[in-house]
């Protein structure tokens, strides 16, 4: 998992965000099933989760979309290539293409990094179908896209240019020198640079787990006072749900506000730049 130590971000991000931090707490898997959706909504309702990433063609997708529209839950699209679509209305052809993508991505630990030209049409179909379904059930196209198991960063999606230009996209987990092998960090940095050419990215991205040591969470919150930070959470997990609903997250955050929606990083930087003129 990602830790709270800062990585080497680009100067443009550092200069633009250093005077205006944002803490975005985003819950993944909205719509996967009833329990997952309801746990996330509990956290949104009390202000400890900013936004959610919604899965489509899952058993609770349509109910979850209705809740999001009724309760103004900020949702982006959580692209899914690796967990079987469970909705009764999922087209059989879509499941077939997903099964092909799953076998490839799960077949080797480096598959995500290798572009497979023979699967280009399958990935294109999967991305387009999920964007179309999101638009149908939410009534609006997704302004933000990430991926289940972070597979939106796989080579077939990234180098295929399958994510709509101008959308907000989730970057790689943030690591500092020494946490991962240098080649791993260089690869992640290169992918983020490619992603940033067409998409708006936060400065840093972490997950809440591990919740201990406590200094790790404190360091993440400290970063969010100066930078645009997204923290991923899964409230369906009991430890994370307790952290988010017991008041502990608010106690630890202190006077640092949790964003009420997924704030567009490009707009934050533009506002800060305008103030500095």
C-alpha atoms as a PDB file:
ATOM      1  CA  UNK A   1       0.000   0.000   0.000  1.00  0.00           C
ATOM      2  CA  UNK A   2       1.018   3.607  -0.457  1.00  0.00           C
ATOM      3  CA  UNK A   3       2.539   5.472   2.462  1.00  0.00           C
ATOM      4  CA  UNK A   4       2.394   9.111   3.416  1.00  0.00           C
ATOM      5  CA  UNK A   5       5.959  10.024   2.504  1.00  0.00           C
ATOM      6  CA  UNK A   6       6.064  12.493  -0.376  1.00  0.00           C
ATOM      7  CA  UNK A   7       7.214  11.326  -3.802  1.00  0.00           C
ATOM      8  CA  UNK A   8       9.013  13.434  -6.363  1.00  0.00           C
ATOM      9  CA  UNK A   9       6.176  15.232  -8.098  1.00  0.00           C
ATOM     10  CA  UNK A  10       6.639  17.580 -11.014  1.00  0.00           C
ATOM     11  CA  UNK A  11       7.453  21.226 -10.343  1.00  0.00           C
ATOM     12  CA  UNK A  12       4.306  22.398 -12.101  1.00  0.00           C
ATOM     13  CA  UNK A  13       2.102  20.503  -9.636  1.00  0.00           C
ATOM     14  CA  UNK A  14       4.146  21.591  -6.644  1.00  0.00           C
ATOM     15  CA  UNK A  15       4.118  25.271  -7.551  1.00  0.00           C
ATOM     16  CA  UNK A  16       0.406  25.306  -8.365  1.00  0.00           C
ATOM     17  CA  UNK A  17      -0.832  23.484  -5.292  1.00  0.00           C
ATOM     18  CA  UNK A  18       1.581  24.339  -2.508  1.00  0.00           C
ATOM     19  CA  UNK A  19      -0.522  27.270  -1.290  1.00  0.00           C
ATOM     20  CA  UNK A  20      -3.897  25.516  -1.522  1.00  0.00           C
ATOM     21  CA  UNK A  21      -4.279  21.957  -0.282  1.00  0.00           C
ATOM     22  CA  UNK A  22      -7.320  19.722  -0.783  1.00  0.00           C
ATOM     23  CA  UNK A  23      -8.200  16.430   0.915  1.00  0.00           C
ATOM     24  CA  UNK A  24     -10.428  14.218  -1.253  1.00  0.00           C
ATOM     25  CA  UNK A  25     -11.643  10.977   0.321  1.00  0.00           C
ATOM     26  CA  UNK A  26     -12.997   8.789  -2.470  1.00  0.00           C
ATOM     27  CA  UNK A  27     -14.814   5.505  -1.885  1.00  0.00           C
ATOM     28  CA  UNK A  28     -14.474   2.812  -4.537  1.00  0.00           C
ATOM     29  CA  UNK A  29     -17.033   0.244  -5.783  1.00  0.00           C
ATOM     30  CA  UNK A  30     -20.305   2.235  -5.499  1.00  0.00           C
ATOM     31  CA  UNK A  31     -22.965  -0.032  -6.973  1.00  0.00           C
ATOM     32  CA  UNK A  32     -21.030  -3.292  -6.657  1.00  0.00           C
ATOM     33  CA  UNK A  33     -23.654  -4.650  -4.258  1.00  0.00           C
ATOM     34  CA  UNK A  34     -26.168  -3.298  -1.750  1.00  0.00           C
ATOM     35  CA  UNK A  35     -23.880  -3.559   1.274  1.00  0.00           C
ATOM     36  CA  UNK A  36     -21.023  -1.740  -0.460  1.00  0.00           C
ATOM     37  CA  UNK A  37     -23.260   1.079  -1.680  1.00  0.00           C
ATOM     38  CA  UNK A  38     -24.984   1.528   1.669  1.00  0.00           C
ATOM     39  CA  UNK A  39     -21.722   1.586   3.615  1.00  0.00           C
ATOM     40  CA  UNK A  40     -20.338   4.256   1.307  1.00  0.00           C
ATOM     41  CA  UNK A  41     -23.501   6.326   1.585  1.00  0.00           C
ATOM     42  CA  UNK A  42     -23.337   6.212   5.390  1.00  0.00           C
ATOM     43  CA  UNK A  43     -19.945   7.921   5.131  1.00  0.00           C
ATOM     44  CA  UNK A  44     -21.035  10.427   2.486  1.00  0.00           C
ATOM     45  CA  UNK A  45     -24.021  11.397   4.633  1.00  0.00           C
ATOM     46  CA  UNK A  46     -21.826  12.364   7.593  1.00  0.00           C
ATOM     47  CA  UNK A  47     -19.229  14.131   5.474  1.00  0.00           C
ATOM     48  CA  UNK A  48     -16.285  11.756   5.826  1.00  0.00           C
ATOM     49  CA  UNK A  49     -16.323  10.655   2.176  1.00  0.00           C
ATOM     50  CA  UNK A  50     -16.160  13.255  -0.582  1.00  0.00           C
ATOM     51  CA  UNK A  51     -17.143  11.162  -3.565  1.00  0.00           C
ATOM     52  CA  UNK A  52     -17.493   7.673  -4.954  1.00  0.00           C
ATOM     53  CA  UNK A  53     -16.334   5.675  -7.950  1.00  0.00           C
ATOM     54  CA  UNK A  54     -19.287   3.836  -9.464  1.00  0.00           C
ATOM     55  CA  UNK A  55     -19.284   0.418 -11.083  1.00  0.00           C
ATOM     56  CA  UNK A  56     -21.758  -0.274 -13.870  1.00  0.00           C
ATOM     57  CA  UNK A  57     -23.331  -3.571 -14.953  1.00  0.00           C
ATOM     58  CA  UNK A  58     -23.169  -4.733 -11.320  1.00  0.00           C
ATOM     59  CA  UNK A  59     -26.036  -6.007  -9.182  1.00  0.00           C
ATOM     60  CA  UNK A  60     -26.627  -2.689  -7.375  1.00  0.00           C
ATOM     61  CA  UNK A  61     -25.584  -0.282 -10.124  1.00  0.00           C
ATOM     62  CA  UNK A  62     -29.017   1.038 -11.048  1.00  0.00           C
ATOM     63  CA  UNK A  63     -30.253   1.477  -7.460  1.00  0.00           C
ATOM     64  CA  UNK A  64     -26.961   3.150  -6.566  1.00  0.00           C
ATOM     65  CA  UNK A  65     -27.277   5.556  -9.492  1.00  0.00           C
ATOM     66  CA  UNK A  66     -30.763   6.563  -8.329  1.00  0.00           C
ATOM     67  CA  UNK A  67     -29.455   7.195  -4.815  1.00  0.00           C
ATOM     68  CA  UNK A  68     -26.597   9.272  -6.203  1.00  0.00           C
ATOM     69  CA  UNK A  69     -28.965  11.420  -8.247  1.00  0.00           C
ATOM     70  CA  UNK A  70     -31.438  11.850  -5.408  1.00  0.00           C
ATOM     71  CA  UNK A  71     -28.852  12.554  -2.686  1.00  0.00           C
ATOM     72  CA  UNK A  72     -26.312  14.420  -4.870  1.00  0.00           C
ATOM     73  CA  UNK A  73     -23.487  11.920  -4.360  1.00  0.00           C
ATOM     74  CA  UNK A  74     -20.569  12.894  -6.578  1.00  0.00           C
ATOM     75  CA  UNK A  75     -19.756   9.806  -8.644  1.00  0.00           C
ATOM     76  CA  UNK A  76     -17.145   9.022 -11.262  1.00  0.00           C
ATOM     77  CA  UNK A  77     -16.807   5.860 -13.339  1.00  0.00           C
ATOM     78  CA  UNK A  78     -14.921   2.907 -11.860  1.00  0.00           C
ATOM     79  CA  UNK A  79     -13.899   0.988 -14.984  1.00  0.00           C
ATOM     80  CA  UNK A  80     -14.038  -2.750 -14.424  1.00  0.00           C
ATOM     81  CA  UNK A  81     -12.051  -5.299 -16.412  1.00  0.00           C
ATOM     82  CA  UNK A  82     -11.362  -7.870 -13.705  1.00  0.00           C
ATOM     83  CA  UNK A  83     -14.494  -8.548 -11.604  1.00  0.00           C
ATOM     84  CA  UNK A  84     -17.343 -10.338 -13.360  1.00  0.00           C
ATOM     85  CA  UNK A  85     -20.279  -8.106 -14.254  1.00  0.00           C
ATOM     86  CA  UNK A  86     -23.152  -9.247 -12.024  1.00  0.00           C
ATOM     87  CA  UNK A  87     -26.161  -7.264 -13.303  1.00  0.00           C
ATOM     88  CA  UNK A  88     -28.969  -9.270 -14.844  1.00  0.00           C
ATOM     89  CA  UNK A  89     -29.135  -6.870 -17.793  1.00  0.00           C
ATOM     90  CA  UNK A  90     -25.453  -7.165 -18.726  1.00  0.00           C
ATOM     91  CA  UNK A  91     -25.121  -8.139 -22.406  1.00  0.00           C
ATOM     92  CA  UNK A  92     -23.554 -11.611 -22.854  1.00  0.00           C
ATOM     93  CA  UNK A  93     -21.133 -10.204 -25.435  1.00  0.00           C
ATOM     94  CA  UNK A  94     -19.843  -7.712 -22.890  1.00  0.00           C
ATOM     95  CA  UNK A  95     -19.214 -10.505 -20.393  1.00  0.00           C
ATOM     96  CA  UNK A  96     -17.320 -12.440 -23.054  1.00  0.00           C
ATOM     97  CA  UNK A  97     -15.011  -9.515 -23.785  1.00  0.00           C
ATOM     98  CA  UNK A  98     -14.521  -8.900 -20.072  1.00  0.00           C
ATOM     99  CA  UNK A  99     -13.541 -12.544 -19.566  1.00  0.00           C
ATOM    100  CA  UNK A 100     -10.901 -12.194 -22.285  1.00  0.00           C
ATOM    101  CA  UNK A 101      -9.514  -9.020 -20.700  1.00  0.00           C
ATOM    102  CA  UNK A 102      -9.537 -10.600 -17.237  1.00  0.00           C
ATOM    103  CA  UNK A 103      -7.597 -13.654 -18.396  1.00  0.00           C
ATOM    104  CA  UNK A 104      -4.980 -11.420 -19.961  1.00  0.00           C
ATOM    105  CA  UNK A 105      -4.610  -8.956 -17.086  1.00  0.00           C
ATOM    106  CA  UNK A 106      -4.606 -11.689 -14.438  1.00  0.00           C
ATOM    107  CA  UNK A 107      -2.404 -14.022 -16.446  1.00  0.00           C
ATOM    108  CA  UNK A 108       0.915 -12.384 -15.632  1.00  0.00           C
ATOM    109  CA  UNK A 109       1.953  -9.736 -13.148  1.00  0.00           C
ATOM    110  CA  UNK A 110       3.457  -7.619 -15.942  1.00  0.00           C
ATOM    111  CA  UNK A 111       0.518  -7.928 -18.335  1.00  0.00           C
ATOM    112  CA  UNK A 112      -0.854  -4.551 -17.269  1.00  0.00           C
ATOM    113  CA  UNK A 113       2.311  -2.890 -18.588  1.00  0.00           C
ATOM    114  CA  UNK A 114       2.275  -4.583 -22.001  1.00  0.00           C
ATOM    115  CA  UNK A 115       0.062  -3.381 -24.855  1.00  0.00           C
ATOM    116  CA  UNK A 116      -1.689  -6.323 -26.556  1.00  0.00           C
ATOM    117  CA  UNK A 117      -2.756  -5.332 -30.092  1.00  0.00           C
ATOM    118  CA  UNK A 118      -4.908  -8.430 -30.414  1.00  0.00           C
ATOM    119  CA  UNK A 119      -7.082  -7.219 -27.528  1.00  0.00           C
ATOM    120  CA  UNK A 120      -7.390  -3.594 -28.657  1.00  0.00           C
ATOM    121  CA  UNK A 121     -10.985  -4.043 -29.850  1.00  0.00           C
ATOM    122  CA  UNK A 122     -12.022  -5.816 -26.629  1.00  0.00           C
ATOM    123  CA  UNK A 123     -10.673  -3.054 -24.394  1.00  0.00           C
ATOM    124  CA  UNK A 124     -12.205  -0.386 -26.612  1.00  0.00           C
ATOM    125  CA  UNK A 125     -15.591  -2.092 -26.460  1.00  0.00           C
ATOM    126  CA  UNK A 126     -15.394  -2.535 -22.681  1.00  0.00           C
ATOM    127  CA  UNK A 127     -14.509   1.107 -22.041  1.00  0.00           C
ATOM    128  CA  UNK A 128     -17.097   2.498 -24.446  1.00  0.00           C
ATOM    129  CA  UNK A 129     -19.851   0.229 -23.116  1.00  0.00           C
ATOM    130  CA  UNK A 130     -19.175   1.229 -19.500  1.00  0.00           C
ATOM    131  CA  UNK A 131     -19.073   4.940 -20.317  1.00  0.00           C
ATOM    132  CA  UNK A 132     -22.340   4.579 -22.227  1.00  0.00           C
ATOM    133  CA  UNK A 133     -23.992   2.687 -19.373  1.00  0.00           C
ATOM    134  CA  UNK A 134     -22.803   5.227 -16.797  1.00  0.00           C
ATOM    135  CA  UNK A 135     -24.268   7.998 -18.944  1.00  0.00           C
ATOM    136  CA  UNK A 136     -27.552   6.110 -19.238  1.00  0.00           C
ATOM    137  CA  UNK A 137     -28.101   5.433 -15.548  1.00  0.00           C
ATOM    138  CA  UNK A 138     -26.641   8.673 -14.162  1.00  0.00           C
ATOM    139  CA  UNK A 139     -28.010  10.907 -16.899  1.00  0.00           C
ATOM    140  CA  UNK A 140     -24.623  12.535 -17.491  1.00  0.00           C
ATOM    141  CA  UNK A 141     -21.267  11.432 -18.885  1.00  0.00           C
ATOM    142  CA  UNK A 142     -18.542  10.741 -16.292  1.00  0.00           C
ATOM    143  CA  UNK A 143     -16.250  13.710 -15.623  1.00  0.00           C
ATOM    144  CA  UNK A 144     -13.903  11.472 -13.659  1.00  0.00           C
ATOM    145  CA  UNK A 145     -12.621   7.960 -14.403  1.00  0.00           C
ATOM    146  CA  UNK A 146     -10.531   5.485 -12.444  1.00  0.00           C
ATOM    147  CA  UNK A 147     -10.317   1.702 -12.470  1.00  0.00           C
ATOM    148  CA  UNK A 148     -11.152  -1.352 -10.411  1.00  0.00           C
ATOM    149  CA  UNK A 149      -7.801  -2.766  -9.302  1.00  0.00           C
ATOM    150  CA  UNK A 150      -6.376   0.374 -10.997  1.00  0.00           C
ATOM    151  CA  UNK A 151      -6.607  -1.279 -14.405  1.00  0.00           C
ATOM    152  CA  UNK A 152      -7.512   2.010 -16.071  1.00  0.00           C
ATOM    153  CA  UNK A 153      -3.724   2.424 -16.110  1.00  0.00           C
ATOM    154  CA  UNK A 154      -3.101  -0.729 -18.129  1.00  0.00           C
ATOM    155  CA  UNK A 155      -1.270  -0.243 -21.425  1.00  0.00           C
ATOM    156  CA  UNK A 156      -4.244  -1.144 -23.606  1.00  0.00           C
ATOM    157  CA  UNK A 157      -6.350   1.606 -22.037  1.00  0.00           C
ATOM    158  CA  UNK A 158      -3.661   4.245 -21.620  1.00  0.00           C
ATOM    159  CA  UNK A 159      -1.831   3.882 -24.921  1.00  0.00           C
ATOM    160  CA  UNK A 160      -5.044   3.131 -26.747  1.00  0.00           C
ATOM    161  CA  UNK A 161      -6.267   6.595 -25.758  1.00  0.00           C
ATOM    162  CA  UNK A 162      -9.508   5.092 -24.504  1.00  0.00           C
ATOM    163  CA  UNK A 163     -10.195   7.532 -21.663  1.00  0.00           C
ATOM    164  CA  UNK A 164     -11.972  10.683 -22.902  1.00  0.00           C
ATOM    165  CA  UNK A 165      -9.572  13.623 -23.040  1.00  0.00           C
ATOM    166  CA  UNK A 166     -10.216  16.299 -20.431  1.00  0.00           C
ATOM    167  CA  UNK A 167     -11.639  13.967 -17.799  1.00  0.00           C
ATOM    168  CA  UNK A 168     -10.154  13.718 -14.323  1.00  0.00           C
ATOM    169  CA  UNK A 169      -8.173  10.480 -14.008  1.00  0.00           C
ATOM    170  CA  UNK A 170      -6.634   8.715 -11.037  1.00  0.00           C
ATOM    171  CA  UNK A 171      -2.840   8.670 -10.948  1.00  0.00           C
ATOM    172  CA  UNK A 172      -0.636   5.862  -9.625  1.00  0.00           C
ATOM    173  CA  UNK A 173      -0.134   5.404  -5.903  1.00  0.00           C
ATOM    174  CA  UNK A 174       2.449   7.819  -4.519  1.00  0.00           C
ATOM    175  CA  UNK A 175       5.695   6.376  -3.198  1.00  0.00           C
ATOM    176  CA  UNK A 176       8.869   7.964  -1.912  1.00  0.00           C
ATOM    177  CA  UNK A 177      12.409   6.866  -2.795  1.00  0.00           C
ATOM    178  CA  UNK A 178      13.199   3.647  -0.968  1.00  0.00           C
ATOM    179  CA  UNK A 179       9.630   2.362  -0.723  1.00  0.00           C
ATOM    180  CA  UNK A 180       9.689   0.667  -4.127  1.00  0.00           C
ATOM    181  CA  UNK A 181      12.452  -0.366  -6.472  1.00  0.00           C
ATOM    182  CA  UNK A 182      13.700   2.512  -8.586  1.00  0.00           C
ATOM    183  CA  UNK A 183      12.528   0.902 -11.825  1.00  0.00           C
ATOM    184  CA  UNK A 184       9.028   0.575 -10.340  1.00  0.00           C
ATOM    185  CA  UNK A 185       8.929   4.240  -9.350  1.00  0.00           C
ATOM    186  CA  UNK A 186      10.289   5.329 -12.737  1.00  0.00           C
ATOM    187  CA  UNK A 187       7.613   3.299 -14.516  1.00  0.00           C
ATOM    188  CA  UNK A 188       4.831   4.797 -12.381  1.00  0.00           C
ATOM    189  CA  UNK A 189       6.202   8.293 -12.928  1.00  0.00           C
ATOM    190  CA  UNK A 190       6.308   7.757 -16.688  1.00  0.00           C
ATOM    191  CA  UNK A 191       2.712   6.514 -16.727  1.00  0.00           C
ATOM    192  CA  UNK A 192       1.576   9.545 -14.726  1.00  0.00           C
ATOM    193  CA  UNK A 193       3.307  11.873 -17.177  1.00  0.00           C
ATOM    194  CA  UNK A 194       1.517  10.209 -20.093  1.00  0.00           C
ATOM    195  CA  UNK A 195      -1.781  10.414 -18.219  1.00  0.00           C
ATOM    196  CA  UNK A 196      -1.267  14.107 -17.430  1.00  0.00           C
ATOM    197  CA  UNK A 197      -1.086  15.003 -21.122  1.00  0.00           C
ATOM    198  CA  UNK A 198      -4.821  14.394 -21.537  1.00  0.00           C
ATOM    199  CA  UNK A 199      -6.222  14.397 -18.010  1.00  0.00           C
ATOM    200  CA  UNK A 200      -6.381  16.359 -14.771  1.00  0.00           C
ATOM    201  CA  UNK A 201      -4.558  14.600 -11.911  1.00  0.00           C
ATOM    202  CA  UNK A 202      -4.192  15.145  -8.192  1.00  0.00           C
ATOM    203  CA  UNK A 203      -0.717  15.753  -6.787  1.00  0.00           C
ATOM    204  CA  UNK A 204      -0.700  12.622  -4.646  1.00  0.00           C
ATOM    205  CA  UNK A 205      -2.745   9.460  -4.287  1.00  0.00           C
ATOM    206  CA  UNK A 206      -2.835   7.156  -1.252  1.00  0.00           C
ATOM    207  CA  UNK A 207      -5.041   4.483   0.285  1.00  0.00           C
ATOM    208  CA  UNK A 208      -6.247   4.633   3.883  1.00  0.00           C
ATOM    209  CA  UNK A 209      -5.001   1.145   4.808  1.00  0.00           C
ATOM    210  CA  UNK A 210      -2.834   0.479   6.654  1.00  0.00           C
ATOM    211  CA  UNK A 211      -4.426   2.616   9.360  1.00  0.00           C
ATOM    212  CA  UNK A 212      -1.493   1.971  11.667  1.00  0.00           C
ATOM    213  CA  UNK A 213       0.891   3.413  12.578  1.00  0.00           C
ATOM    214  CA  UNK A 214      -1.176   6.501  13.264  1.00  0.00           C
ATOM    215  CA  UNK A 215       1.684   8.704  12.094  1.00  0.00           C
ATOM    216  CA  UNK A 216       1.035   7.508   8.533  1.00  0.00           C
ATOM    217  CA  UNK A 217      -2.484   8.971   8.402  1.00  0.00           C
ATOM    218  CA  UNK A 218      -1.271  12.131  10.129  1.00  0.00           C
ATOM    219  CA  UNK A 219       1.394  12.530   7.443  1.00  0.00           C
ATOM    220  CA  UNK A 220      -1.186  12.143   4.659  1.00  0.00           C
ATOM    221  CA  UNK A 221      -3.368  14.826   6.230  1.00  0.00           C
ATOM    222  CA  UNK A 222      -0.332  17.071   6.605  1.00  0.00           C
ATOM    223  CA  UNK A 223       0.366  16.678   2.882  1.00  0.00           C
ATOM    224  CA  UNK A 224      -3.235  17.618   2.100  1.00  0.00           C
ATOM    225  CA  UNK A 225      -2.745  21.025   3.718  1.00  0.00           C
ATOM    226  CA  UNK A 226      -0.316  21.939   0.932  1.00  0.00           C
ATOM    227  CA  UNK A 227      -1.162  19.642  -1.960  1.00  0.00           C
ATOM    228  CA  UNK A 228      -4.155  18.157  -3.759  1.00  0.00           C
ATOM    229  CA  UNK A 229      -4.415  14.672  -2.249  1.00  0.00           C
ATOM    230  CA  UNK A 230      -6.821  11.853  -3.045  1.00  0.00           C
ATOM    231  CA  UNK A 231      -7.220   9.054  -0.516  1.00  0.00           C
ATOM    232  CA  UNK A 232      -8.913   5.852  -1.624  1.00  0.00           C
ATOM    233  CA  UNK A 233     -11.159   3.973   0.784  1.00  0.00           C
ATOM    234  CA  UNK A 234     -13.421   0.926   0.834  1.00  0.00           C
ATOM    235  CA  UNK A 235     -15.977   1.407   3.628  1.00  0.00           C
ATOM    236  CA  UNK A 236     -17.266  -2.131   3.115  1.00  0.00           C
ATOM    237  CA  UNK A 237     -14.135  -3.170   5.015  1.00  0.00           C
ATOM    238  CA  UNK A 238     -15.002  -3.057   8.755  1.00  0.00           C
ATOM    239  CA  UNK A 239     -11.814  -1.309   9.917  1.00  0.00           C
ATOM    240  CA  UNK A 240     -12.169   1.464   7.335  1.00  0.00           C
ATOM    241  CA  UNK A 241     -15.896   1.836   8.015  1.00  0.00           C
ATOM    242  CA  UNK A 242     -15.222   2.248  11.737  1.00  0.00           C
ATOM    243  CA  UNK A 243     -12.483   4.803  11.046  1.00  0.00           C
ATOM    244  CA  UNK A 244     -14.833   6.803   8.817  1.00  0.00           C
ATOM    245  CA  UNK A 245     -17.969   6.650  10.988  1.00  0.00           C
ATOM    246  CA  UNK A 246     -16.672   6.687  14.563  1.00  0.00           C
ATOM    247  CA  UNK A 247     -15.429  10.263  14.438  1.00  0.00           C
ATOM    248  CA  UNK A 248     -11.799   9.169  14.395  1.00  0.00           C
ATOM    249  CA  UNK A 249     -11.098  10.579  10.933  1.00  0.00           C
ATOM    250  CA  UNK A 250     -12.492  13.977  11.942  1.00  0.00           C
ATOM    251  CA  UNK A 251     -10.464  13.983  15.146  1.00  0.00           C
ATOM    252  CA  UNK A 252      -7.286  13.195  13.230  1.00  0.00           C
ATOM    253  CA  UNK A 253      -8.010  15.718  10.477  1.00  0.00           C
ATOM    254  CA  UNK A 254      -8.597  18.503  12.984  1.00  0.00           C
ATOM    255  CA  UNK A 255      -9.261  21.773  11.166  1.00  0.00           C
ATOM    256  CA  UNK A 256      -8.414  20.226   7.770  1.00  0.00           C
ATOM    257  CA  UNK A 257     -11.710  20.018   5.850  1.00  0.00           C
ATOM    258  CA  UNK A 258     -12.677  16.964   3.833  1.00  0.00           C
ATOM    259  CA  UNK A 259     -13.798  18.039   0.354  1.00  0.00           C
ATOM    260  CA  UNK A 260     -17.547  17.806  -0.226  1.00  0.00           C
ATOM    261  CA  UNK A 261     -16.987  16.501  -3.752  1.00  0.00           C
ATOM    262  CA  UNK A 262     -14.145  15.363  -5.952  1.00  0.00           C
ATOM    263  CA  UNK A 263     -12.554  18.750  -6.576  1.00  0.00           C
ATOM    264  CA  UNK A 264     -11.145  19.176 -10.094  1.00  0.00           C
ATOM    265  CA  UNK A 265      -7.362  19.578  -9.624  1.00  0.00           C
ATOM    266  CA  UNK A 266      -7.054  21.705 -12.776  1.00  0.00           C
ATOM    267  CA  UNK A 267      -9.563  24.225 -11.404  1.00  0.00           C
ATOM    268  CA  UNK A 268      -7.759  24.412  -8.059  1.00  0.00           C
ATOM    269  CA  UNK A 269      -4.468  25.128  -9.779  1.00  0.00           C
ATOM    270  CA  UNK A 270      -6.055  27.696 -12.071  1.00  0.00           C
ATOM    271  CA  UNK A 271      -7.626  29.491  -9.089  1.00  0.00           C
ATOM    272  CA  UNK A 272      -4.342  29.527  -7.196  1.00  0.00           C
ATOM    273  CA  UNK A 273      -2.480  30.772 -10.282  1.00  0.00           C
ATOM    274  CA  UNK A 274      -5.006  33.585 -10.709  1.00  0.00           C
ATOM    275  CA  UNK A 275      -4.573  34.618  -7.068  1.00  0.00           C
ATOM    276  CA  UNK A 276      -0.808  34.728  -7.525  1.00  0.00           C
ATOM    277  CA  UNK A 277      -0.939  37.072 -10.516  1.00  0.00           C
END
